[in-house]
Amino acid sequence: GRRLKSLHFKDFSTRVGSIQRFCNPFDGDVDWEGVRASLRKIRYSGYIVAEVILPRVWQQGFIQEISRKLDWLAGER
């Protein structure tokens, strides 16, 4: 726990093929409740970074939604 300084998140889906299996956080099959519980257990308080796939057509609020989800993951909401 104390050795972690920054976490980099992405997600993975088993429903599609090839490299397209990687997807935005919270859009795939990762157990985010479990990840959140693990972060709380080790009292992680460092940075959380999301690896995102930008939409082909920009969606208003896209970045804010990712930020909101990461805040939840960090236990801030």
N, C-alpha and C. Protein backbone atom coordinates (compact mmCIF):
# COMPACT_ATOMS: atom_id res chain seq x y z
N GLY A 1 0.78 -1.20 0.00
CA GLY A 1 0.00 0.00 0.00
C GLY A 1 0.82 1.27 0.00
N ARG A 2 1.75 1.40 0.92
CA ARG A 2 2.49 2.67 1.02
C ARG A 2 3.49 2.86 -0.12
N ARG A 3 3.79 1.81 -0.85
CA ARG A 3 4.72 1.92 -1.97
C ARG A 3 4.06 2.47 -3.23
N LEU A 4 2.73 2.43 -3.28
CA LEU A 4 2.00 2.94 -4.45
C LEU A 4 1.98 4.46 -4.41
N LYS A 5 2.36 5.08 -5.50
CA LYS A 5 2.36 6.54 -5.59
C LYS A 5 1.35 7.06 -6.59
N SER A 6 1.04 6.26 -7.61
CA SER A 6 0.09 6.66 -8.64
C SER A 6 -0.48 5.39 -9.27
N LEU A 7 -1.78 5.43 -9.58
CA LEU A 7 -2.43 4.29 -10.23
C LEU A 7 -2.97 4.71 -11.59
N HIS A 8 -2.82 3.85 -12.54
CA HIS A 8 -3.23 4.09 -13.92
C HIS A 8 -4.32 3.07 -14.24
N PHE A 9 -5.52 3.55 -14.57
CA PHE A 9 -6.66 2.66 -14.80
C PHE A 9 -7.13 2.65 -16.24
N LYS A 10 -7.51 1.48 -16.68
CA LYS A 10 -8.25 1.29 -17.93
C LYS A 10 -9.18 0.12 -17.67
N ASP A 11 -9.98 -0.23 -18.60
CA ASP A 11 -10.92 -1.33 -18.42
C ASP A 11 -10.77 -2.30 -19.58
N PHE A 12 -11.39 -3.45 -19.44
CA PHE A 12 -11.29 -4.51 -20.42
C PHE A 12 -12.64 -5.19 -20.52
N SER A 13 -13.05 -5.48 -21.73
CA SER A 13 -14.33 -6.15 -21.96
C SER A 13 -14.10 -7.51 -22.61
N THR A 14 -14.77 -8.50 -22.12
CA THR A 14 -14.66 -9.83 -22.72
C THR A 14 -15.69 -10.02 -23.83
N ARG A 15 -16.51 -9.01 -24.08
CA ARG A 15 -17.60 -9.14 -25.05
C ARG A 15 -17.20 -8.79 -26.50
N VAL A 16 -16.03 -8.21 -26.72
CA VAL A 16 -15.61 -7.85 -28.07
C VAL A 16 -14.24 -8.45 -28.35
N GLY A 17 -13.84 -8.47 -29.60
CA GLY A 17 -12.59 -9.11 -29.96
C GLY A 17 -11.42 -8.16 -30.14
N SER A 18 -10.24 -8.73 -30.21
CA SER A 18 -8.97 -8.07 -30.49
C SER A 18 -8.64 -6.93 -29.53
N ILE A 19 -7.90 -5.95 -30.00
CA ILE A 19 -7.46 -4.82 -29.19
C ILE A 19 -8.64 -3.99 -28.71
N GLN A 20 -9.77 -4.12 -29.38
CA GLN A 20 -10.96 -3.37 -29.00
C GLN A 20 -11.52 -3.82 -27.65
N ARG A 21 -10.92 -4.83 -27.06
CA ARG A 21 -11.36 -5.26 -25.75
C ARG A 21 -11.04 -4.21 -24.68
N PHE A 22 -10.03 -3.39 -24.93
CA PHE A 22 -9.73 -2.32 -23.99
C PHE A 22 -10.76 -1.22 -24.17
N CYS A 23 -11.25 -0.68 -23.06
CA CYS A 23 -12.29 0.34 -23.13
C CYS A 23 -12.12 1.32 -21.98
N ASN A 24 -12.95 2.32 -21.96
CA ASN A 24 -12.87 3.33 -20.92
C ASN A 24 -13.22 2.73 -19.55
N PRO A 25 -12.61 3.29 -18.50
CA PRO A 25 -12.95 2.81 -17.16
C PRO A 25 -14.46 2.82 -16.92
N PHE A 26 -14.94 1.76 -16.33
CA PHE A 26 -16.34 1.56 -15.97
C PHE A 26 -17.22 1.13 -17.15
N ASP A 27 -16.62 0.91 -18.33
CA ASP A 27 -17.39 0.45 -19.49
C ASP A 27 -17.17 -1.03 -19.79
N GLY A 28 -16.28 -1.68 -19.05
CA GLY A 28 -15.96 -3.08 -19.33
C GLY A 28 -16.35 -4.00 -18.18
N ASP A 29 -15.51 -4.98 -17.95
CA ASP A 29 -15.84 -6.04 -17.01
C ASP A 29 -15.05 -5.99 -15.69
N VAL A 30 -14.28 -4.96 -15.47
CA VAL A 30 -13.53 -4.85 -14.21
C VAL A 30 -14.51 -4.70 -13.05
N ASP A 31 -14.22 -5.35 -11.95
CA ASP A 31 -15.03 -5.25 -10.72
C ASP A 31 -14.62 -3.98 -9.97
N TRP A 32 -15.22 -2.86 -10.35
CA TRP A 32 -14.83 -1.57 -9.77
C TRP A 32 -15.19 -1.45 -8.30
N GLU A 33 -16.25 -2.10 -7.88
CA GLU A 33 -16.58 -2.12 -6.44
C GLU A 33 -15.43 -2.80 -5.68
N GLY A 34 -14.92 -3.88 -6.23
CA GLY A 34 -13.80 -4.58 -5.62
C GLY A 34 -12.53 -3.75 -5.62
N VAL A 35 -12.28 -3.05 -6.72
CA VAL A 35 -11.11 -2.17 -6.79
C VAL A 35 -11.22 -1.07 -5.73
N ARG A 36 -12.40 -0.48 -5.63
CA ARG A 36 -12.62 0.59 -4.65
C ARG A 36 -12.40 0.06 -3.23
N ALA A 37 -12.94 -1.11 -2.94
CA ALA A 37 -12.76 -1.71 -1.61
C ALA A 37 -11.28 -1.97 -1.32
N SER A 38 -10.55 -2.42 -2.31
CA SER A 38 -9.12 -2.69 -2.12
C SER A 38 -8.35 -1.39 -1.86
N LEU A 39 -8.70 -0.34 -2.59
CA LEU A 39 -8.03 0.95 -2.37
C LEU A 39 -8.30 1.47 -0.96
N ARG A 40 -9.53 1.29 -0.51
CA ARG A 40 -9.88 1.74 0.84
C ARG A 40 -9.14 0.89 1.89
N LYS A 41 -9.02 -0.40 1.62
CA LYS A 41 -8.36 -1.30 2.57
C LYS A 41 -6.91 -0.90 2.79
N ILE A 42 -6.21 -0.49 1.73
CA ILE A 42 -4.81 -0.11 1.88
C ILE A 42 -4.65 1.39 2.14
N ARG A 43 -5.78 2.07 2.24
CA ARG A 43 -5.79 3.52 2.51
C ARG A 43 -5.00 4.30 1.46
N TYR A 44 -5.22 3.94 0.22
CA TYR A 44 -4.54 4.62 -0.88
C TYR A 44 -5.00 6.06 -0.98
N SER A 45 -4.05 6.99 -1.10
CA SER A 45 -4.41 8.41 -1.20
C SER A 45 -3.60 9.13 -2.28
N GLY A 46 -3.00 8.38 -3.19
CA GLY A 46 -2.21 9.00 -4.25
C GLY A 46 -3.05 9.37 -5.46
N TYR A 47 -2.37 9.61 -6.55
CA TYR A 47 -3.04 10.00 -7.78
C TYR A 47 -3.71 8.81 -8.44
N ILE A 48 -4.81 9.10 -9.14
CA ILE A 48 -5.49 8.11 -9.98
C ILE A 48 -5.59 8.70 -11.37
N VAL A 49 -5.09 7.96 -12.35
CA VAL A 49 -5.06 8.41 -13.74
C VAL A 49 -5.89 7.44 -14.57
N ALA A 50 -6.73 7.95 -15.44
CA ALA A 50 -7.53 7.10 -16.31
C ALA A 50 -6.98 7.12 -17.73
N GLU A 51 -6.85 5.95 -18.32
CA GLU A 51 -6.52 5.87 -19.75
C GLU A 51 -7.85 5.78 -20.48
N VAL A 52 -8.14 6.78 -21.29
CA VAL A 52 -9.43 6.82 -21.96
C VAL A 52 -9.27 6.75 -23.47
N ILE A 53 -10.32 6.30 -24.11
CA ILE A 53 -10.42 6.30 -25.56
C ILE A 53 -11.38 7.43 -25.91
N LEU A 54 -10.87 8.43 -26.57
CA LEU A 54 -11.71 9.58 -26.90
C LEU A 54 -12.77 9.19 -27.92
N PRO A 55 -13.98 9.68 -27.74
CA PRO A 55 -15.05 9.37 -28.70
C PRO A 55 -14.76 9.99 -30.06
N ARG A 56 -15.18 9.34 -31.12
CA ARG A 56 -14.97 9.87 -32.47
C ARG A 56 -15.71 11.19 -32.66
N VAL A 57 -16.89 11.26 -32.08
CA VAL A 57 -17.67 12.51 -32.07
C VAL A 57 -17.69 12.97 -30.63
N TRP A 58 -17.17 14.18 -30.41
CA TRP A 58 -17.02 14.67 -29.04
C TRP A 58 -18.37 14.72 -28.33
N GLN A 59 -18.38 14.25 -27.11
CA GLN A 59 -19.59 14.23 -26.29
C GLN A 59 -19.42 15.23 -25.16
N GLN A 60 -20.33 16.16 -25.07
CA GLN A 60 -20.30 17.14 -23.99
C GLN A 60 -20.33 16.43 -22.64
N GLY A 61 -19.45 16.78 -21.75
CA GLY A 61 -19.43 16.20 -20.42
C GLY A 61 -18.61 14.93 -20.30
N PHE A 62 -17.95 14.49 -21.37
CA PHE A 62 -17.18 13.25 -21.36
C PHE A 62 -16.11 13.26 -20.27
N ILE A 63 -15.29 14.31 -20.24
CA ILE A 63 -14.21 14.41 -19.26
C ILE A 63 -14.78 14.51 -17.84
N GLN A 64 -15.85 15.29 -17.68
CA GLN A 64 -16.46 15.44 -16.36
C GLN A 64 -16.98 14.09 -15.83
N GLU A 65 -17.54 13.28 -16.72
CA GLU A 65 -18.06 11.97 -16.32
C GLU A 65 -16.92 11.05 -15.88
N ILE A 66 -15.82 11.03 -16.62
CA ILE A 66 -14.67 10.23 -16.23
C ILE A 66 -14.16 10.71 -14.87
N SER A 67 -14.07 12.01 -14.69
CA SER A 67 -13.61 12.59 -13.43
C SER A 67 -14.53 12.19 -12.27
N ARG A 68 -15.83 12.25 -12.50
CA ARG A 68 -16.79 11.88 -11.46
C ARG A 68 -16.61 10.41 -11.05
N LYS A 69 -16.40 9.56 -12.04
CA LYS A 69 -16.22 8.14 -11.75
C LYS A 69 -14.93 7.89 -10.97
N LEU A 70 -13.87 8.59 -11.32
CA LEU A 70 -12.60 8.42 -10.59
C LEU A 70 -12.71 8.98 -9.18
N ASP A 71 -13.47 10.06 -9.02
CA ASP A 71 -13.70 10.57 -7.66
C ASP A 71 -14.41 9.52 -6.81
N TRP A 72 -15.40 8.85 -7.39
CA TRP A 72 -16.10 7.79 -6.67
C TRP A 72 -15.12 6.67 -6.30
N LEU A 73 -14.27 6.30 -7.27
CA LEU A 73 -13.31 5.24 -7.04
C LEU A 73 -12.37 5.59 -5.90
N ALA A 74 -12.00 6.85 -5.82
CA ALA A 74 -11.09 7.31 -4.76
C ALA A 74 -11.81 7.48 -3.43
N GLY A 75 -13.13 7.30 -3.43
CA GLY A 75 -13.89 7.42 -2.19
C GLY A 75 -14.25 8.85 -1.85
N GLU A 76 -14.18 9.73 -2.85
CA GLU A 76 -14.47 11.14 -2.61
C GLU A 76 -15.94 11.47 -2.77
N ARG A 77 -16.74 10.54 -3.30
CA ARG A 77 -18.16 10.78 -3.50
C ARG A 77 -18.93 9.55 -3.16
